Amino acid sequence: KRAMAPATVRYELLQLSTAMGWAMHNGPKLDKKPKVWLPSLPEKKVRHLDRAEMGKFLAAVKADHARLYVMIGLFTMARPSAILDLTWDRVDFMRRLIDFTPPGHVRTAKRRVVLPIADELLPELQKGRAASTTEWVIERGGKRVACIKKAFQAASERSGVHATPYTLRHTGAVWAVE
């Protein structure tokens, strides 16, 4: 009776199937694991913004920390967690490089790399550095920002352009290919 998306139904049925598989081998013995019907996978919606939409969205970003986040995300295509983990000691203004790999980071398939600072990004980074009060690049009120979603929701409502932190990644990639 609950209203839920097909992806949620699929996830919960997969959880049920997994629990029955476990019970067959470990718990109250089931003779046979029943076959569980699963709805088809939803179509993946990978969205990117065109230049006009990006302009409207960026104009609606009011907070300085959120604007800096948007610019870094757009021009580096870095993952949201990599941007939020970024510290000023890994931004090299002289060589114009950003190292997204924190010290001691264990390398995984989701690599964090060293990227050049784009001409459009450099002034934003310099402005952010001049105003910084902590070691974190994305900071607000003297504290590290742990989640940027509220700023994106507010800017999306003000601009009428729906965007998420991952939208920047896709937008940057599409623009780079173009």
N, C-alpha and C. Protein backbone atom coordinates (compact mmCIF):
# COMPACT_ATOMS: atom_id res chain seq x y z
N LYS A 1 0.81 -1.21 0.00
CA LYS A 1 0.00 0.00 0.00
C LYS A 1 0.85 1.27 0.00
N ARG A 2 2.15 1.12 0.31
CA ARG A 2 3.02 2.30 0.30
C ARG A 2 3.28 2.74 -1.13
N ALA A 3 3.33 4.04 -1.32
CA ALA A 3 3.70 4.57 -2.63
C ALA A 3 5.23 4.62 -2.69
N MET A 4 5.80 3.92 -3.65
CA MET A 4 7.26 3.93 -3.79
C MET A 4 7.66 3.74 -5.24
N ALA A 5 8.86 4.16 -5.51
CA ALA A 5 9.39 4.08 -6.87
C ALA A 5 9.74 2.62 -7.21
N PRO A 6 9.73 2.27 -8.50
CA PRO A 6 10.09 0.91 -8.91
C PRO A 6 11.48 0.49 -8.42
N ALA A 7 12.40 1.43 -8.35
CA ALA A 7 13.75 1.10 -7.87
C ALA A 7 13.71 0.67 -6.40
N THR A 8 12.85 1.31 -5.61
CA THR A 8 12.72 0.96 -4.20
C THR A 8 12.09 -0.42 -4.06
N VAL A 9 11.07 -0.70 -4.86
CA VAL A 9 10.42 -2.02 -4.83
C VAL A 9 11.45 -3.09 -5.17
N ARG A 10 12.23 -2.85 -6.20
CA ARG A 10 13.26 -3.81 -6.61
C ARG A 10 14.27 -4.03 -5.50
N TYR A 11 14.72 -2.95 -4.86
CA TYR A 11 15.70 -3.05 -3.78
C TYR A 11 15.15 -3.88 -2.62
N GLU A 12 13.93 -3.59 -2.21
CA GLU A 12 13.35 -4.32 -1.08
C GLU A 12 13.12 -5.79 -1.40
N LEU A 13 12.70 -6.09 -2.63
CA LEU A 13 12.53 -7.49 -3.03
C LEU A 13 13.88 -8.22 -3.10
N LEU A 14 14.93 -7.52 -3.53
CA LEU A 14 16.27 -8.12 -3.52
C LEU A 14 16.72 -8.44 -2.09
N GLN A 15 16.38 -7.53 -1.15
CA GLN A 15 16.71 -7.76 0.26
C GLN A 15 15.98 -9.01 0.77
N LEU A 16 14.72 -9.15 0.40
CA LEU A 16 13.92 -10.31 0.80
C LEU A 16 14.51 -11.59 0.22
N SER A 17 14.88 -11.55 -1.04
CA SER A 17 15.47 -12.72 -1.69
C SER A 17 16.77 -13.12 -1.01
N THR A 18 17.59 -12.13 -0.67
CA THR A 18 18.86 -12.40 0.01
C THR A 18 18.61 -13.03 1.37
N ALA A 19 17.63 -12.52 2.10
CA ALA A 19 17.31 -13.07 3.42
C ALA A 19 16.83 -14.51 3.31
N MET A 20 16.05 -14.82 2.30
CA MET A 20 15.58 -16.20 2.12
C MET A 20 16.73 -17.12 1.74
N GLY A 21 17.67 -16.62 0.94
CA GLY A 21 18.85 -17.40 0.60
C GLY A 21 19.69 -17.70 1.83
N TRP A 22 19.84 -16.72 2.70
CA TRP A 22 20.58 -16.91 3.94
C TRP A 22 19.88 -17.94 4.81
N ALA A 23 18.54 -17.81 4.93
CA ALA A 23 17.77 -18.72 5.78
C ALA A 23 17.85 -20.16 5.27
N MET A 24 17.97 -20.32 3.97
CA MET A 24 18.06 -21.66 3.40
C MET A 24 19.32 -22.37 3.88
N HIS A 25 20.41 -21.62 4.09
CA HIS A 25 21.68 -22.23 4.47
C HIS A 25 22.02 -22.09 5.95
N ASN A 26 21.52 -21.07 6.62
CA ASN A 26 21.97 -20.78 7.97
C ASN A 26 20.88 -20.75 9.03
N GLY A 27 19.71 -20.38 8.70
CA GLY A 27 18.69 -20.15 9.71
C GLY A 27 17.68 -21.27 9.74
N PRO A 28 16.44 -20.90 10.01
CA PRO A 28 15.37 -21.89 9.96
C PRO A 28 15.32 -22.43 8.53
N LYS A 29 15.65 -23.66 8.38
CA LYS A 29 15.87 -24.24 7.06
C LYS A 29 14.65 -24.14 6.15
N LEU A 30 14.91 -23.62 4.97
CA LEU A 30 13.93 -23.64 3.91
C LEU A 30 14.34 -24.76 2.97
N ASP A 31 13.38 -25.53 2.52
CA ASP A 31 13.69 -26.61 1.59
C ASP A 31 14.20 -26.05 0.27
N LYS A 32 13.59 -24.97 -0.16
CA LYS A 32 13.93 -24.41 -1.45
C LYS A 32 13.69 -22.89 -1.38
N LYS A 33 14.60 -22.16 -1.97
CA LYS A 33 14.43 -20.71 -1.98
C LYS A 33 13.40 -20.36 -3.04
N PRO A 34 12.31 -19.70 -2.64
CA PRO A 34 11.30 -19.33 -3.63
C PRO A 34 11.85 -18.30 -4.61
N LYS A 35 11.37 -18.36 -5.81
CA LYS A 35 11.78 -17.38 -6.82
C LYS A 35 11.04 -16.07 -6.54
N VAL A 36 11.78 -15.00 -6.51
CA VAL A 36 11.20 -13.69 -6.21
C VAL A 36 11.13 -12.88 -7.50
N TRP A 37 9.95 -12.38 -7.80
CA TRP A 37 9.77 -11.54 -8.97
C TRP A 37 10.39 -10.18 -8.71
N LEU A 38 11.11 -9.65 -9.69
CA LEU A 38 11.71 -8.32 -9.57
C LEU A 38 11.25 -7.45 -10.72
N PRO A 39 10.86 -6.21 -10.42
CA PRO A 39 10.53 -5.31 -11.54
C PRO A 39 11.79 -5.01 -12.35
N SER A 40 11.61 -4.64 -13.58
CA SER A 40 12.77 -4.37 -14.43
C SER A 40 13.56 -3.18 -13.88
N LEU A 41 14.83 -3.14 -14.23
CA LEU A 41 15.68 -2.04 -13.79
C LEU A 41 15.17 -0.73 -14.39
N PRO A 42 15.11 0.33 -13.57
CA PRO A 42 14.67 1.60 -14.13
C PRO A 42 15.73 2.15 -15.09
N GLU A 43 15.28 2.92 -16.04
CA GLU A 43 16.21 3.53 -16.99
C GLU A 43 17.07 4.55 -16.25
N LYS A 44 18.38 4.49 -16.48
CA LYS A 44 19.28 5.42 -15.81
C LYS A 44 19.11 6.81 -16.43
N LYS A 45 18.97 7.78 -15.55
CA LYS A 45 18.81 9.15 -16.02
C LYS A 45 20.09 9.91 -15.69
N VAL A 46 20.97 9.99 -16.64
CA VAL A 46 22.19 10.75 -16.47
C VAL A 46 21.94 12.10 -17.12
N ARG A 47 21.84 13.12 -16.30
CA ARG A 47 21.47 14.44 -16.79
C ARG A 47 22.67 15.37 -16.77
N HIS A 48 22.74 16.20 -17.76
CA HIS A 48 23.73 17.27 -17.76
C HIS A 48 23.03 18.57 -18.10
N LEU A 49 23.66 19.66 -17.75
CA LEU A 49 23.08 20.98 -17.99
C LEU A 49 23.72 21.60 -19.23
N ASP A 50 22.91 22.30 -20.02
CA ASP A 50 23.50 23.06 -21.11
C ASP A 50 24.02 24.37 -20.53
N ARG A 51 24.67 25.17 -21.34
CA ARG A 51 25.32 26.38 -20.83
C ARG A 51 24.31 27.39 -20.27
N ALA A 52 23.16 27.50 -20.87
CA ALA A 52 22.14 28.42 -20.37
C ALA A 52 21.62 27.97 -19.00
N GLU A 53 21.33 26.67 -18.88
CA GLU A 53 20.87 26.15 -17.59
C GLU A 53 21.94 26.33 -16.51
N MET A 54 23.20 26.06 -16.88
CA MET A 54 24.28 26.21 -15.91
C MET A 54 24.40 27.67 -15.47
N GLY A 55 24.24 28.58 -16.39
CA GLY A 55 24.28 30.01 -16.05
C GLY A 55 23.18 30.39 -15.07
N LYS A 56 21.95 29.90 -15.33
CA LYS A 56 20.84 30.17 -14.42
C LYS A 56 21.10 29.56 -13.05
N PHE A 57 21.59 28.33 -13.03
CA PHE A 57 21.83 27.65 -11.76
C PHE A 57 22.93 28.37 -10.99
N LEU A 58 24.02 28.70 -11.64
CA LEU A 58 25.15 29.35 -10.97
C LEU A 58 24.74 30.72 -10.42
N ALA A 59 23.89 31.44 -11.16
CA ALA A 59 23.41 32.74 -10.68
C ALA A 59 22.57 32.59 -9.41
N ALA A 60 21.94 31.43 -9.24
CA ALA A 60 21.08 31.19 -8.07
C ALA A 60 21.86 30.66 -6.87
N VAL A 61 23.12 30.34 -7.06
CA VAL A 61 23.95 29.87 -5.94
C VAL A 61 24.41 31.10 -5.18
N LYS A 62 23.91 31.27 -3.95
CA LYS A 62 24.17 32.48 -3.19
C LYS A 62 25.40 32.38 -2.30
N ALA A 63 25.62 31.26 -1.65
CA ALA A 63 26.71 31.12 -0.68
C ALA A 63 28.05 30.97 -1.40
N ASP A 64 29.07 31.65 -0.88
CA ASP A 64 30.40 31.60 -1.50
C ASP A 64 30.96 30.19 -1.53
N HIS A 65 30.77 29.43 -0.44
CA HIS A 65 31.30 28.07 -0.40
C HIS A 65 30.62 27.18 -1.44
N ALA A 66 29.34 27.39 -1.66
CA ALA A 66 28.61 26.59 -2.65
C ALA A 66 29.04 26.96 -4.07
N ARG A 67 29.26 28.26 -4.30
CA ARG A 67 29.72 28.69 -5.62
C ARG A 67 31.09 28.09 -5.94
N LEU A 68 31.99 28.11 -4.95
CA LEU A 68 33.31 27.51 -5.16
C LEU A 68 33.19 26.02 -5.43
N TYR A 69 32.31 25.34 -4.69
CA TYR A 69 32.08 23.91 -4.91
C TYR A 69 31.61 23.66 -6.34
N VAL A 70 30.64 24.46 -6.79
CA VAL A 70 30.09 24.28 -8.15
C VAL A 70 31.19 24.47 -9.20
N MET A 71 32.00 25.49 -9.03
CA MET A 71 33.06 25.75 -10.01
C MET A 71 34.09 24.61 -10.02
N ILE A 72 34.48 24.15 -8.84
CA ILE A 72 35.44 23.03 -8.78
C ILE A 72 34.84 21.79 -9.42
N GLY A 73 33.59 21.50 -9.09
CA GLY A 73 32.93 20.31 -9.64
C GLY A 73 32.80 20.37 -11.15
N LEU A 74 32.45 21.52 -11.66
CA LEU A 74 32.26 21.68 -13.10
C LEU A 74 33.58 21.56 -13.87
N PHE A 75 34.63 22.20 -13.37
CA PHE A 75 35.88 22.25 -14.12
C PHE A 75 36.84 21.10 -13.84
N THR A 76 36.60 20.32 -12.78
CA THR A 76 37.47 19.16 -12.51
C THR A 76 36.75 17.84 -12.70
N MET A 77 35.43 17.87 -12.65
CA MET A 77 34.61 16.66 -12.74
C MET A 77 34.92 15.68 -11.60
N ALA A 78 35.39 16.20 -10.48
CA ALA A 78 35.73 15.36 -9.33
C ALA A 78 34.46 14.89 -8.64
N ARG A 79 34.57 13.78 -7.94
CA ARG A 79 33.45 13.26 -7.15
C ARG A 79 33.15 14.20 -6.00
N PRO A 80 31.89 14.27 -5.58
CA PRO A 80 31.53 15.16 -4.48
C PRO A 80 32.38 14.96 -3.23
N SER A 81 32.62 13.72 -2.85
CA SER A 81 33.41 13.48 -1.63
C SER A 81 34.85 13.97 -1.79
N ALA A 82 35.41 13.87 -2.98
CA ALA A 82 36.78 14.34 -3.22
C ALA A 82 36.85 15.86 -3.08
N ILE A 83 35.82 16.56 -3.53
CA ILE A 83 35.81 18.02 -3.41
C ILE A 83 35.67 18.43 -1.95
N LEU A 84 34.77 17.77 -1.23
CA LEU A 84 34.56 18.11 0.17
C LEU A 84 35.76 17.74 1.04
N ASP A 85 36.57 16.77 0.62
CA ASP A 85 37.77 16.36 1.36
C ASP A 85 38.99 17.21 1.02
N LEU A 86 38.88 18.08 0.03
CA LEU A 86 40.02 18.84 -0.46
C LEU A 86 40.49 19.88 0.57
N THR A 87 41.81 19.92 0.79
CA THR A 87 42.41 20.91 1.67
C THR A 87 43.32 21.83 0.86
N TRP A 88 43.58 23.02 1.39
CA TRP A 88 44.35 24.03 0.67
C TRP A 88 45.78 23.60 0.39
N ASP A 89 46.34 22.73 1.23
CA ASP A 89 47.73 22.31 0.99
C ASP A 89 47.87 21.47 -0.27
N ARG A 90 46.75 21.01 -0.83
CA ARG A 90 46.80 20.22 -2.06
C ARG A 90 46.38 21.02 -3.29
N VAL A 91 46.22 22.32 -3.11
CA VAL A 91 45.95 23.22 -4.23
C VAL A 91 47.24 23.99 -4.48
N ASP A 92 47.88 23.72 -5.60
CA ASP A 92 49.17 24.33 -5.94
C ASP A 92 48.92 25.45 -6.95
N PHE A 93 48.90 26.69 -6.44
CA PHE A 93 48.63 27.84 -7.30
C PHE A 93 49.78 28.12 -8.25
N MET A 94 51.00 27.83 -7.82
CA MET A 94 52.18 28.10 -8.66
C MET A 94 52.18 27.21 -9.91
N ARG A 95 51.94 25.92 -9.70
CA ARG A 95 51.91 24.97 -10.83
C ARG A 95 50.52 24.84 -11.45
N ARG A 96 49.54 25.47 -10.80
CA ARG A 96 48.15 25.40 -11.23
C ARG A 96 47.64 23.96 -11.29
N LEU A 97 47.78 23.25 -10.15
CA LEU A 97 47.34 21.86 -10.04
C LEU A 97 46.54 21.66 -8.75
N ILE A 98 45.58 20.75 -8.82
CA ILE A 98 44.82 20.33 -7.65
C ILE A 98 45.04 18.83 -7.49
N ASP A 99 45.49 18.42 -6.30
CA ASP A 99 45.69 17.01 -5.99
C ASP A 99 44.53 16.55 -5.11
N PHE A 100 43.65 15.76 -5.68
CA PHE A 100 42.47 15.30 -4.94
C PHE A 100 42.75 14.10 -4.04
N THR A 101 43.97 13.59 -4.02
CA THR A 101 44.30 12.42 -3.20
C THR A 101 44.79 12.88 -1.83
N PRO A 102 44.01 12.62 -0.77
CA PRO A 102 44.46 13.02 0.56
C PRO A 102 45.61 12.12 1.04
N PRO A 103 46.47 12.63 1.93
CA PRO A 103 47.57 11.81 2.43
C PRO A 103 47.03 10.54 3.09
N GLY A 104 47.66 9.42 2.78
CA GLY A 104 47.26 8.14 3.37
C GLY A 104 46.03 7.50 2.74
N HIS A 105 45.51 8.11 1.68
CA HIS A 105 44.32 7.56 1.02
C HIS A 105 44.66 6.24 0.34
N VAL A 106 43.86 5.22 0.59
CA VAL A 106 44.05 3.92 -0.07
C VAL A 106 43.43 4.01 -1.45
N ARG A 107 44.22 3.73 -2.45
CA ARG A 107 43.76 3.85 -3.84
C ARG A 107 42.73 2.76 -4.15
N THR A 108 41.61 3.17 -4.68
CA THR A 108 40.54 2.24 -5.07
C THR A 108 40.26 2.43 -6.55
N ALA A 109 39.22 1.77 -7.03
CA ALA A 109 38.84 1.93 -8.44
C ALA A 109 38.34 3.35 -8.71
N LYS A 110 37.86 4.03 -7.66
CA LYS A 110 37.41 5.42 -7.79
C LYS A 110 38.60 6.33 -7.53
N ARG A 111 39.46 6.41 -8.49
CA ARG A 111 40.73 7.11 -8.34
C ARG A 111 40.55 8.60 -8.11
N ARG A 112 41.43 9.13 -7.30
CA ARG A 112 41.53 10.57 -7.09
C ARG A 112 42.84 11.01 -7.72
N VAL A 113 42.78 11.99 -8.55
CA VAL A 113 43.92 12.33 -9.40
C VAL A 113 44.38 13.77 -9.18
N VAL A 114 45.47 14.12 -9.85
CA VAL A 114 45.97 15.49 -9.89
C VAL A 114 45.49 16.10 -11.21
N LEU A 115 44.83 17.25 -11.10
CA LEU A 115 44.25 17.88 -12.29
C LEU A 115 44.71 19.33 -12.42
N PRO A 116 44.80 19.83 -13.64
CA PRO A 116 45.16 21.24 -13.83
C PRO A 116 44.01 22.16 -13.42
N ILE A 117 44.36 23.36 -12.99
CA ILE A 117 43.35 24.36 -12.65
C ILE A 117 43.01 25.14 -13.91
N ALA A 118 41.75 25.10 -14.31
CA ALA A 118 41.28 25.80 -15.51
C ALA A 118 41.34 27.32 -15.30
N ASP A 119 41.47 28.05 -16.38
CA ASP A 119 41.54 29.52 -16.32
C ASP A 119 40.32 30.11 -15.61
N GLU A 120 39.14 29.55 -15.86
CA GLU A 120 37.91 30.05 -15.26
C GLU A 120 37.84 29.73 -13.77
N LEU A 121 38.51 28.67 -13.35
CA LEU A 121 38.46 28.24 -11.95
C LEU A 121 39.47 28.99 -11.07
N LEU A 122 40.58 29.40 -11.64
CA LEU A 122 41.66 30.02 -10.87
C LEU A 122 41.21 31.23 -10.03
N PRO A 123 40.49 32.21 -10.59
CA PRO A 123 40.08 33.34 -9.75
C PRO A 123 39.15 32.94 -8.61
N GLU A 124 38.30 31.95 -8.85
CA GLU A 124 37.39 31.47 -7.79
C GLU A 124 38.19 30.84 -6.65
N LEU A 125 39.20 30.05 -7.00
CA LEU A 125 40.05 29.44 -5.98
C LEU A 125 40.84 30.50 -5.22
N GLN A 126 41.36 31.49 -5.91
CA GLN A 126 42.12 32.55 -5.25
C GLN A 126 41.23 33.34 -4.28
N LYS A 127 40.01 33.61 -4.70
CA LYS A 127 39.06 34.31 -3.83
C LYS A 127 38.72 33.45 -2.61
N GLY A 128 38.52 32.15 -2.83
CA GLY A 128 38.23 31.24 -1.73
C GLY A 128 39.39 31.14 -0.75
N ARG A 129 40.61 31.11 -1.29
CA ARG A 129 41.80 31.02 -0.43
C ARG A 129 41.96 32.28 0.42
N ALA A 130 41.71 33.43 -0.19
CA ALA A 130 41.85 34.70 0.54
C ALA A 130 40.84 34.79 1.68
N ALA A 131 39.66 34.20 1.51
CA ALA A 131 38.62 34.26 2.53
C ALA A 131 38.64 33.09 3.51
N SER A 132 39.51 32.12 3.28
CA SER A 132 39.48 30.89 4.09
C SER A 132 39.94 31.12 5.52
N THR A 133 39.35 30.36 6.43
CA THR A 133 39.72 30.41 7.84
C THR A 133 40.11 29.04 8.37
N THR A 134 39.98 28.02 7.52
CA THR A 134 40.34 26.65 7.91
C THR A 134 41.21 26.04 6.82
N GLU A 135 41.63 24.82 7.04
CA GLU A 135 42.43 24.12 6.03
C GLU A 135 41.59 23.61 4.87
N TRP A 136 40.27 23.56 5.04
CA TRP A 136 39.38 22.97 4.04
C TRP A 136 39.05 23.98 2.95
N VAL A 137 39.03 23.52 1.72
CA VAL A 137 38.69 24.40 0.60
C VAL A 137 37.21 24.77 0.67
N ILE A 138 36.36 23.79 0.92
CA ILE A 138 34.92 24.05 1.04
C ILE A 138 34.60 24.13 2.53
N GLU A 139 34.45 25.37 3.00
CA GLU A 139 34.18 25.62 4.41
C GLU A 139 33.07 26.65 4.53
N ARG A 140 32.43 26.65 5.69
CA ARG A 140 31.37 27.64 5.96
C ARG A 140 31.36 27.90 7.44
N GLY A 141 31.41 29.14 7.82
CA GLY A 141 31.37 29.51 9.23
C GLY A 141 32.55 28.96 10.02
N GLY A 142 33.71 28.85 9.37
CA GLY A 142 34.90 28.36 10.05
C GLY A 142 34.92 26.85 10.27
N LYS A 143 34.02 26.14 9.59
CA LYS A 143 33.97 24.68 9.72
C LYS A 143 33.93 24.03 8.34
N ARG A 144 34.41 22.82 8.30
CA ARG A 144 34.37 22.03 7.06
C ARG A 144 32.92 21.73 6.70
N VAL A 145 32.60 21.81 5.43
CA VAL A 145 31.26 21.45 4.95
C VAL A 145 31.25 19.94 4.70
N ALA A 146 30.32 19.24 5.34
CA ALA A 146 30.25 17.79 5.20
C ALA A 146 29.30 17.36 4.08
N CYS A 147 28.30 18.20 3.81
CA CYS A 147 27.31 17.85 2.78
C CYS A 147 26.87 19.14 2.10
N ILE A 148 26.79 19.11 0.80
CA ILE A 148 26.47 20.31 0.01
C ILE A 148 25.05 20.26 -0.55
N LYS A 149 24.30 19.22 -0.22
CA LYS A 149 22.99 19.00 -0.83
C LYS A 149 21.99 20.13 -0.58
N LYS A 150 21.97 20.70 0.63
CA LYS A 150 21.00 21.77 0.91
C LYS A 150 21.25 22.99 0.04
N ALA A 151 22.50 23.32 -0.18
CA ALA A 151 22.81 24.46 -1.05
C ALA A 151 22.34 24.19 -2.47
N PHE A 152 22.48 22.95 -2.92
CA PHE A 152 22.02 22.60 -4.27
C PHE A 152 20.50 22.65 -4.36
N GLN A 153 19.82 22.16 -3.32
CA GLN A 153 18.36 22.20 -3.33
C GLN A 153 17.86 23.63 -3.37
N ALA A 154 18.47 24.50 -2.57
CA ALA A 154 18.04 25.90 -2.54
C ALA A 154 18.29 26.58 -3.89
N ALA A 155 19.46 26.35 -4.48
CA ALA A 155 19.77 26.95 -5.78
C ALA A 155 18.86 26.38 -6.87
N SER A 156 18.53 25.10 -6.78
CA SER A 156 17.63 24.49 -7.76
C SER A 156 16.25 25.13 -7.68
N GLU A 157 15.76 25.36 -6.46
CA GLU A 157 14.45 25.99 -6.29
C GLU A 157 14.46 27.42 -6.81
N ARG A 158 15.52 28.17 -6.49
CA ARG A 158 15.59 29.57 -6.93
C ARG A 158 15.71 29.68 -8.45
N SER A 159 16.46 28.78 -9.07
CA SER A 159 16.72 28.89 -10.51
C SER A 159 15.71 28.17 -11.38
N GLY A 160 15.02 27.19 -10.80
CA GLY A 160 14.12 26.37 -11.61
C GLY A 160 14.87 25.31 -12.42
N VAL A 161 16.17 25.15 -12.14
CA VAL A 161 17.01 24.16 -12.83
C VAL A 161 17.41 23.10 -11.81
N HIS A 162 16.94 21.88 -12.01
CA HIS A 162 17.28 20.82 -11.07
C HIS A 162 18.71 20.35 -11.30
N ALA A 163 19.51 20.42 -10.25
CA ALA A 163 20.90 19.96 -10.33
C ALA A 163 21.30 19.33 -9.02
N THR A 164 22.19 18.35 -9.10
CA THR A 164 22.75 17.69 -7.92
C THR A 164 24.27 17.79 -8.03
N PRO A 165 24.99 17.46 -6.96
CA PRO A 165 26.44 17.47 -7.08
C PRO A 165 26.95 16.59 -8.23
N TYR A 166 26.31 15.47 -8.48
CA TYR A 166 26.76 14.61 -9.57
C TYR A 166 26.41 15.18 -10.94
N THR A 167 25.40 16.06 -11.01
CA THR A 167 25.08 16.71 -12.27
C THR A 167 26.28 17.49 -12.79
N LEU A 168 27.06 18.08 -11.87
CA LEU A 168 28.24 18.83 -12.29
C LEU A 168 29.24 17.92 -12.98
N ARG A 169 29.41 16.73 -12.43
CA ARG A 169 30.34 15.76 -13.00
C ARG A 169 29.95 15.42 -14.43
N HIS A 170 28.66 15.14 -14.63
CA HIS A 170 28.17 14.79 -15.97
C HIS A 170 28.24 15.99 -16.91
N THR A 171 27.90 17.16 -16.40
CA THR A 171 27.95 18.37 -17.22
C THR A 171 29.36 18.66 -17.68
N GLY A 172 30.31 18.60 -16.74
CA GLY A 172 31.71 18.82 -17.10
C GLY A 172 32.21 17.84 -18.12
N ALA A 173 31.82 16.57 -17.98
CA ALA A 173 32.26 15.54 -18.92
C ALA A 173 31.68 15.79 -20.32
N VAL A 174 30.40 16.12 -20.38
CA VAL A 174 29.77 16.38 -21.68
C VAL A 174 30.40 17.60 -22.33
N TRP A 175 30.62 18.66 -21.56
CA TRP A 175 31.23 19.87 -22.12
C TRP A 175 32.65 19.58 -22.61
N ALA A 176 33.40 18.76 -21.88
CA ALA A 176 34.77 18.43 -22.28
C ALA A 176 34.78 17.67 -23.62
N VAL A 177 33.82 16.76 -23.78
CA VAL A 177 33.73 15.99 -25.02
C VAL A 177 33.32 16.90 -26.18
N GLU A 178 32.41 17.81 -25.90
CA GLU A 178 31.96 18.74 -26.94
C GLU A 178 33.11 19.63 -27.39
